[in-house]
Amino acid sequence: MSAVLGPIHHWMYRKIQLQEELIRDILHTTRESNWGSEVDGAELTSYASSETRPLEEIIDLSNIHGWLSSQIDAPERRYAHLVTGLLKEDPTRLEVLAGTAYQFGRKHPVNAGGTAQDAFRAINDLLLDGMPCDRAVQVTDNAEDHVTFLQTEDLHSPYWKEYGGDGDNYYYLRSRVIDGMLEHSGYALKKLGDGEFEIAKA
């Protein structure tokens, strides 16, 4: 089996698990805030996955790419549905959820003393941006003190639109996750233009 599964598959599975962790944190905030036991007509428990088994035990070895794609699709869809449903009930909840996203980022910090490349790598190791073949994020300038990159494909907004939500909310929460990760790193995420970003000294 080890000859079939490579580091990239384990890397993708960890990113999927981290997305599931963020969903669980959002659900925890929902309960702690007494926002109800249902969102958009569905029980809160329906938005979470309890799957924690090692990749080797659950992956479909006859269709590795297809299996991973389906595992990416599932939390993307549940996350969009959950947050959109919460905001439909009360749009002011966005700032509370942004705080949850920030704290999630803080749980996965970028350490101080590293390079901008280290910071970018840590962020890329956490965020779920489709499959590697989607090339949703492309680095355009790679230096020790800064990394510039383009978000070339918007793989996330379609999920939010499917549930009547706004893809901008996804990117706002994403930025708060990154801000939390970078809190003590000495680096900050800067938006340079439409879809263009830079990690550089704060």
C-alpha atoms as a PDB file:
ATOM      1  CA  MET A   1       0.000   0.000   0.000  1.00  0.00           C
ATOM      2  CA  SER A   2       2.874   2.364   0.767  1.00  0.00           C
ATOM      3  CA  ALA A   3       3.982   1.989  -2.831  1.00  0.00           C
ATOM      4  CA  VAL A   4       0.621   3.360  -3.967  1.00  0.00           C
ATOM      5  CA  LEU A   5       0.056   6.161  -1.467  1.00  0.00           C
ATOM      6  CA  GLY A   6       2.622   8.932  -1.564  1.00  0.00           C
ATOM      7  CA  PRO A   7       3.356  11.991   0.587  1.00  0.00           C
ATOM      8  CA  ILE A   8       1.065  14.157  -1.538  1.00  0.00           C
ATOM      9  CA  HIS A   9      -1.935  11.980  -0.693  1.00  0.00           C
ATOM     10  CA  HIS A  10      -1.223  12.199   3.041  1.00  0.00           C
ATOM     11  CA  TRP A  11      -0.685  15.953   2.632  1.00  0.00           C
ATOM     12  CA  MET A  12      -4.087  16.342   1.010  1.00  0.00           C
ATOM     13  CA  TYR A  13      -5.773  14.203   3.650  1.00  0.00           C
ATOM     14  CA  ARG A  14      -4.301  16.364   6.422  1.00  0.00           C
ATOM     15  CA  LYS A  15      -5.652  19.503   4.698  1.00  0.00           C
ATOM     16  CA  ILE A  16      -9.092  17.864   4.530  1.00  0.00           C
ATOM     17  CA  GLN A  17      -8.898  17.003   8.234  1.00  0.00           C
ATOM     18  CA  LEU A  18      -7.959  20.595   9.080  1.00  0.00           C
ATOM     19  CA  GLN A  19     -10.998  21.850   7.159  1.00  0.00           C
ATOM     20  CA  GLU A  20     -13.093  19.455   9.238  1.00  0.00           C
ATOM     21  CA  GLU A  21     -11.504  20.893  12.388  1.00  0.00           C
ATOM     22  CA  LEU A  22     -12.527  24.407  11.364  1.00  0.00           C
ATOM     23  CA  ILE A  23     -16.095  23.204  10.815  1.00  0.00           C
ATOM     24  CA  ARG A  24     -16.111  21.668  14.309  1.00  0.00           C
ATOM     25  CA  ASP A  25     -14.872  24.966  15.745  1.00  0.00           C
ATOM     26  CA  ILE A  26     -17.692  26.829  13.979  1.00  0.00           C
ATOM     27  CA  LEU A  27     -20.180  24.315  15.384  1.00  0.00           C
ATOM     28  CA  HIS A  28     -18.727  24.810  18.868  1.00  0.00           C
ATOM     29  CA  THR A  29     -19.209  28.566  18.520  1.00  0.00           C
ATOM     30  CA  THR A  30     -22.778  27.977  17.337  1.00  0.00           C
ATOM     31  CA  ARG A  31     -23.572  25.931  20.442  1.00  0.00           C
ATOM     32  CA  GLU A  32     -21.741  28.263  22.823  1.00  0.00           C
ATOM     33  CA  SER A  33     -23.606  31.236  21.346  1.00  0.00           C
ATOM     34  CA  ASN A  34     -26.980  29.487  21.744  1.00  0.00           C
ATOM     35  CA  TRP A  35     -27.833  29.952  18.097  1.00  0.00           C
ATOM     36  CA  GLY A  36     -30.035  26.848  18.091  1.00  0.00           C
ATOM     37  CA  SER A  37     -29.670  23.153  17.385  1.00  0.00           C
ATOM     38  CA  GLU A  38     -30.436  23.429  13.667  1.00  0.00           C
ATOM     39  CA  VAL A  39     -29.084  25.473  10.787  1.00  0.00           C
ATOM     40  CA  ASP A  40     -31.099  25.806   7.577  1.00  0.00           C
ATOM     41  CA  GLY A  41     -33.355  22.981   8.717  1.00  0.00           C
ATOM     42  CA  ALA A  42     -30.520  20.521   9.400  1.00  0.00           C
ATOM     43  CA  GLU A  43     -29.249  19.289  12.769  1.00  0.00           C
ATOM     44  CA  LEU A  44     -25.868  20.704  13.742  1.00  0.00           C
ATOM     45  CA  THR A  45     -24.421  17.194  13.873  1.00  0.00           C
ATOM     46  CA  SER A  46     -25.082  16.775  10.141  1.00  0.00           C
ATOM     47  CA  TYR A  47     -22.459  19.405   9.333  1.00  0.00           C
ATOM     48  CA  ALA A  48     -19.582  17.565  11.018  1.00  0.00           C
ATOM     49  CA  SER A  49     -17.592  14.480  10.122  1.00  0.00           C
ATOM     50  CA  SER A  50     -16.276  12.186  12.843  1.00  0.00           C
ATOM     51  CA  GLU A  51     -13.927  10.316  10.501  1.00  0.00           C
ATOM     52  CA  THR A  52     -10.450  10.192  12.044  1.00  0.00           C
ATOM     53  CA  ARG A  53      -9.090   6.903  10.753  1.00  0.00           C
ATOM     54  CA  PRO A  54      -5.712   6.875   8.989  1.00  0.00           C
ATOM     55  CA  LEU A  55      -5.794   7.443   5.264  1.00  0.00           C
ATOM     56  CA  GLU A  56      -4.624   3.886   4.557  1.00  0.00           C
ATOM     57  CA  GLU A  57      -7.745   2.471   6.188  1.00  0.00           C
ATOM     58  CA  ILE A  58     -10.364   4.429   4.282  1.00  0.00           C
ATOM     59  CA  ILE A  59      -9.055   5.484   0.866  1.00  0.00           C
ATOM     60  CA  ASP A  60     -10.314   3.776  -2.277  1.00  0.00           C
ATOM     61  CA  LEU A  61      -7.064   2.510  -3.764  1.00  0.00           C
ATOM     62  CA  SER A  62      -8.768   1.775  -7.072  1.00  0.00           C
ATOM     63  CA  ASN A  63      -9.687   5.453  -7.478  1.00  0.00           C
ATOM     64  CA  ILE A  64      -7.336   7.555  -5.348  1.00  0.00           C
ATOM     65  CA  HIS A  65      -7.852  10.826  -7.240  1.00  0.00           C
ATOM     66  CA  GLY A  66     -11.614  10.482  -7.346  1.00  0.00           C
ATOM     67  CA  TRP A  67     -11.778   9.547  -3.674  1.00  0.00           C
ATOM     68  CA  LEU A  68      -9.692  12.537  -2.593  1.00  0.00           C
ATOM     69  CA  SER A  69     -11.774  14.847  -4.781  1.00  0.00           C
ATOM     70  CA  SER A  70     -14.953  13.638  -3.088  1.00  0.00           C
ATOM     71  CA  GLN A  71     -13.368  14.140   0.326  1.00  0.00           C
ATOM     72  CA  ILE A  72     -12.530  17.732  -0.611  1.00  0.00           C
ATOM     73  CA  ASP A  73     -16.029  18.371  -1.937  1.00  0.00           C
ATOM     74  CA  ALA A  74     -17.794  17.157   1.211  1.00  0.00           C
ATOM     75  CA  PRO A  75     -16.331  19.595   3.796  1.00  0.00           C
ATOM     76  CA  GLU A  76     -16.347  22.466   1.284  1.00  0.00           C
ATOM     77  CA  ARG A  77     -20.073  21.902   0.810  1.00  0.00           C
ATOM     78  CA  ARG A  78     -20.861  21.494   4.521  1.00  0.00           C
ATOM     79  CA  TYR A  79     -18.795  24.539   5.501  1.00  0.00           C
ATOM     80  CA  ALA A  80     -20.527  26.743   2.918  1.00  0.00           C
ATOM     81  CA  HIS A  81     -23.960  25.454   3.911  1.00  0.00           C
ATOM     82  CA  LEU A  82     -23.298  25.900   7.643  1.00  0.00           C
ATOM     83  CA  VAL A  83     -21.919  29.428   7.530  1.00  0.00           C
ATOM     84  CA  THR A  84     -24.419  30.622   4.926  1.00  0.00           C
ATOM     85  CA  GLY A  85     -27.267  29.230   7.001  1.00  0.00           C
ATOM     86  CA  LEU A  86     -25.992  30.926  10.152  1.00  0.00           C
ATOM     87  CA  LEU A  87     -25.657  34.254   8.365  1.00  0.00           C
ATOM     88  CA  LYS A  88     -29.100  34.008   6.781  1.00  0.00           C
ATOM     89  CA  GLU A  89     -30.532  33.891  10.293  1.00  0.00           C
ATOM     90  CA  ASP A  90     -28.425  36.856  11.444  1.00  0.00           C
ATOM     91  CA  PRO A  91     -25.783  38.563   9.252  1.00  0.00           C
ATOM     92  CA  THR A  92     -24.111  40.134  12.321  1.00  0.00           C
ATOM     93  CA  ARG A  93     -22.847  36.674  13.253  1.00  0.00           C
ATOM     94  CA  LEU A  94     -20.106  37.068  10.655  1.00  0.00           C
ATOM     95  CA  GLU A  95     -17.813  38.896  13.075  1.00  0.00           C
ATOM     96  CA  VAL A  96     -18.270  36.204  15.717  1.00  0.00           C
ATOM     97  CA  LEU A  97     -17.384  33.560  13.126  1.00  0.00           C
ATOM     98  CA  ALA A  98     -14.409  35.661  12.049  1.00  0.00           C
ATOM     99  CA  GLY A  99     -13.181  35.482  15.634  1.00  0.00           C
ATOM    100  CA  THR A 100     -13.529  31.702  15.546  1.00  0.00           C
ATOM    101  CA  ALA A 101     -11.588  31.575  12.279  1.00  0.00           C
ATOM    102  CA  TYR A 102      -8.842  33.725  13.804  1.00  0.00           C
ATOM    103  CA  GLN A 103      -8.569  31.462  16.858  1.00  0.00           C
ATOM    104  CA  PHE A 104      -8.420  28.427  14.569  1.00  0.00           C
ATOM    105  CA  GLY A 105      -5.456  30.025  12.810  1.00  0.00           C
ATOM    106  CA  ARG A 106      -3.791  30.681  16.163  1.00  0.00           C
ATOM    107  CA  LYS A 107      -4.007  26.949  16.919  1.00  0.00           C
ATOM    108  CA  HIS A 108      -1.832  26.350  13.853  1.00  0.00           C
ATOM    109  CA  PRO A 109       0.750  29.138  14.177  1.00  0.00           C
ATOM    110  CA  VAL A 110       3.543  30.117  11.850  1.00  0.00           C
ATOM    111  CA  ASN A 111       6.592  30.306  14.094  1.00  0.00           C
ATOM    112  CA  ALA A 112       8.656  33.446  14.439  1.00  0.00           C
ATOM    113  CA  GLY A 113      12.146  33.470  12.965  1.00  0.00           C
ATOM    114  CA  GLY A 114      11.295  31.783   9.695  1.00  0.00           C
ATOM    115  CA  THR A 115      11.302  33.098   6.146  1.00  0.00           C
ATOM    116  CA  ALA A 116       8.351  34.305   4.122  1.00  0.00           C
ATOM    117  CA  GLN A 117       8.669  31.026   2.226  1.00  0.00           C
ATOM    118  CA  ASP A 118       8.210  29.125   5.493  1.00  0.00           C
ATOM    119  CA  ALA A 119       5.091  31.185   6.236  1.00  0.00           C
ATOM    120  CA  PHE A 120       3.629  30.589   2.792  1.00  0.00           C
ATOM    121  CA  ARG A 121       4.346  26.869   3.045  1.00  0.00           C
ATOM    122  CA  ALA A 122       2.605  26.636   6.429  1.00  0.00           C
ATOM    123  CA  ILE A 123      -0.465  28.414   5.091  1.00  0.00           C
ATOM    124  CA  ASN A 124      -0.524  26.245   1.971  1.00  0.00           C
ATOM    125  CA  ASP A 125      -0.218  23.147   4.156  1.00  0.00           C
ATOM    126  CA  LEU A 126      -3.398  24.130   5.997  1.00  0.00           C
ATOM    127  CA  LEU A 127      -5.782  25.677   3.474  1.00  0.00           C
ATOM    128  CA  LEU A 128      -7.841  23.450   1.233  1.00  0.00           C
ATOM    129  CA  ASP A 129      -7.632  24.705  -2.350  1.00  0.00           C
ATOM    130  CA  GLY A 130      -8.795  21.773  -4.403  1.00  0.00           C
ATOM    131  CA  MET A 131      -6.415  19.179  -5.776  1.00  0.00           C
ATOM    132  CA  PRO A 132      -2.812  20.058  -6.684  1.00  0.00           C
ATOM    133  CA  CYS A 133      -3.706  19.647 -10.349  1.00  0.00           C
ATOM    134  CA  ASP A 134      -6.221  22.511  -9.994  1.00  0.00           C
ATOM    135  CA  ARG A 135      -3.312  24.962  -9.519  1.00  0.00           C
ATOM    136  CA  ALA A 136      -5.626  27.353  -7.694  1.00  0.00           C
ATOM    137  CA  VAL A 137      -2.704  29.187  -6.091  1.00  0.00           C
ATOM    138  CA  GLN A 138       0.417  30.088  -8.063  1.00  0.00           C
ATOM    139  CA  VAL A 139       3.513  31.783  -6.685  1.00  0.00           C
ATOM    140  CA  THR A 140       4.717  34.712  -8.817  1.00  0.00           C
ATOM    141  CA  ASP A 141       7.629  35.985  -6.700  1.00  0.00           C
ATOM    142  CA  ASN A 142       9.468  33.846  -4.178  1.00  0.00           C
ATOM    143  CA  ALA A 143      12.061  35.497  -1.927  1.00  0.00           C
ATOM    144  CA  GLU A 144      13.258  35.066   1.638  1.00  0.00           C
ATOM    145  CA  ASP A 145      11.497  38.205   2.887  1.00  0.00           C
ATOM    146  CA  HIS A 146       8.336  38.042   0.770  1.00  0.00           C
ATOM    147  CA  VAL A 147       6.225  35.698  -1.325  1.00  0.00           C
ATOM    148  CA  THR A 148       3.748  36.994  -3.879  1.00  0.00           C
ATOM    149  CA  PHE A 149       1.040  34.696  -5.191  1.00  0.00           C
ATOM    150  CA  LEU A 150      -2.090  34.673  -7.293  1.00  0.00           C
ATOM    151  CA  GLN A 151      -5.413  33.038  -6.488  1.00  0.00           C
ATOM    152  CA  THR A 152      -5.898  31.886 -10.072  1.00  0.00           C
ATOM    153  CA  GLU A 153      -9.032  29.783  -9.578  1.00  0.00           C
ATOM    154  CA  ASP A 154     -12.006  30.514  -7.328  1.00  0.00           C
ATOM    155  CA  LEU A 155     -12.864  26.980  -6.299  1.00  0.00           C
ATOM    156  CA  HIS A 156     -14.875  28.031  -3.241  1.00  0.00           C
ATOM    157  CA  SER A 157     -17.532  30.596  -4.218  1.00  0.00           C
ATOM    158  CA  PRO A 158     -19.615  28.108  -6.249  1.00  0.00           C
ATOM    159  CA  TYR A 159     -20.323  26.136  -3.058  1.00  0.00           C
ATOM    160  CA  TRP A 160     -21.495  29.281  -1.300  1.00  0.00           C
ATOM    161  CA  LYS A 161     -23.649  30.384  -4.220  1.00  0.00           C
ATOM    162  CA  GLU A 162     -25.265  26.947  -4.264  1.00  0.00           C
ATOM    163  CA  TYR A 163     -26.698  27.690  -0.818  1.00  0.00           C
ATOM    164  CA  GLY A 164     -27.595  31.289  -1.589  1.00  0.00           C
ATOM    165  CA  GLY A 165     -24.511  32.656   0.135  1.00  0.00           C
ATOM    166  CA  ASP A 166     -21.715  35.057  -0.746  1.00  0.00           C
ATOM    167  CA  GLY A 167     -18.275  33.739  -1.680  1.00  0.00           C
ATOM    168  CA  ASP A 168     -16.759  36.909  -0.241  1.00  0.00           C
ATOM    169  CA  ASN A 169     -17.655  35.586   3.200  1.00  0.00           C
ATOM    170  CA  TYR A 170     -15.488  32.543   2.557  1.00  0.00           C
ATOM    171  CA  TYR A 171     -12.515  34.727   1.657  1.00  0.00           C
ATOM    172  CA  TYR A 172     -13.061  37.007   4.634  1.00  0.00           C
ATOM    173  CA  LEU A 173     -13.006  34.053   7.030  1.00  0.00           C
ATOM    174  CA  ARG A 174     -10.011  32.631   5.173  1.00  0.00           C
ATOM    175  CA  SER A 175      -8.121  35.897   5.688  1.00  0.00           C
ATOM    176  CA  ARG A 176      -8.878  35.745   9.414  1.00  0.00           C
ATOM    177  CA  VAL A 177      -7.531  32.188   9.593  1.00  0.00           C
ATOM    178  CA  ILE A 178      -4.311  33.381   7.954  1.00  0.00           C
ATOM    179  CA  ASP A 179      -4.106  36.416  10.252  1.00  0.00           C
ATOM    180  CA  GLY A 180      -4.343  34.086  13.238  1.00  0.00           C
ATOM    181  CA  MET A 181      -1.632  31.834  11.856  1.00  0.00           C
ATOM    182  CA  LEU A 182       0.687  34.791  11.281  1.00  0.00           C
ATOM    183  CA  GLU A 183      -0.008  36.544  14.599  1.00  0.00           C
ATOM    184  CA  HIS A 184       3.450  35.938  16.122  1.00  0.00           C
ATOM    185  CA  SER A 185       5.391  35.203  12.942  1.00  0.00           C
ATOM    186  CA  GLY A 186       6.524  38.731  12.095  1.00  0.00           C
ATOM    187  CA  TYR A 187       4.739  38.436   8.738  1.00  0.00           C
ATOM    188  CA  ALA A 188       1.393  39.662   7.461  1.00  0.00           C
ATOM    189  CA  LEU A 189      -0.840  38.898   4.506  1.00  0.00           C
ATOM    190  CA  LYS A 190      -1.317  41.877   2.186  1.00  0.00           C
ATOM    191  CA  LYS A 191      -3.754  42.132  -0.701  1.00  0.00           C
ATOM    192  CA  LEU A 192      -2.055  43.714  -3.717  1.00  0.00           C
ATOM    193  CA  GLY A 193      -4.885  43.549  -6.198  1.00  0.00           C
ATOM    194  CA  ASP A 194      -7.664  41.352  -7.527  1.00  0.00           C
ATOM    195  CA  GLY A 195      -6.613  37.829  -6.571  1.00  0.00           C
ATOM    196  CA  GLU A 196      -3.017  38.918  -5.901  1.00  0.00           C
ATOM    197  CA  PHE A 197      -1.521  38.639  -2.416  1.00  0.00           C
ATOM    198  CA  GLU A 198       1.810  38.984  -0.659  1.00  0.00           C
ATOM    199  CA  ILE A 199       3.247  37.589   2.541  1.00  0.00           C
ATOM    200  CA  ALA A 200       5.813  40.068   3.791  1.00  0.00           C
ATOM    201  CA  LYS A 201       7.215  41.530   6.977  1.00  0.00           C
ATOM    202  CA  ALA A 202       4.502  43.053   9.132  1.00  0.00           C
END
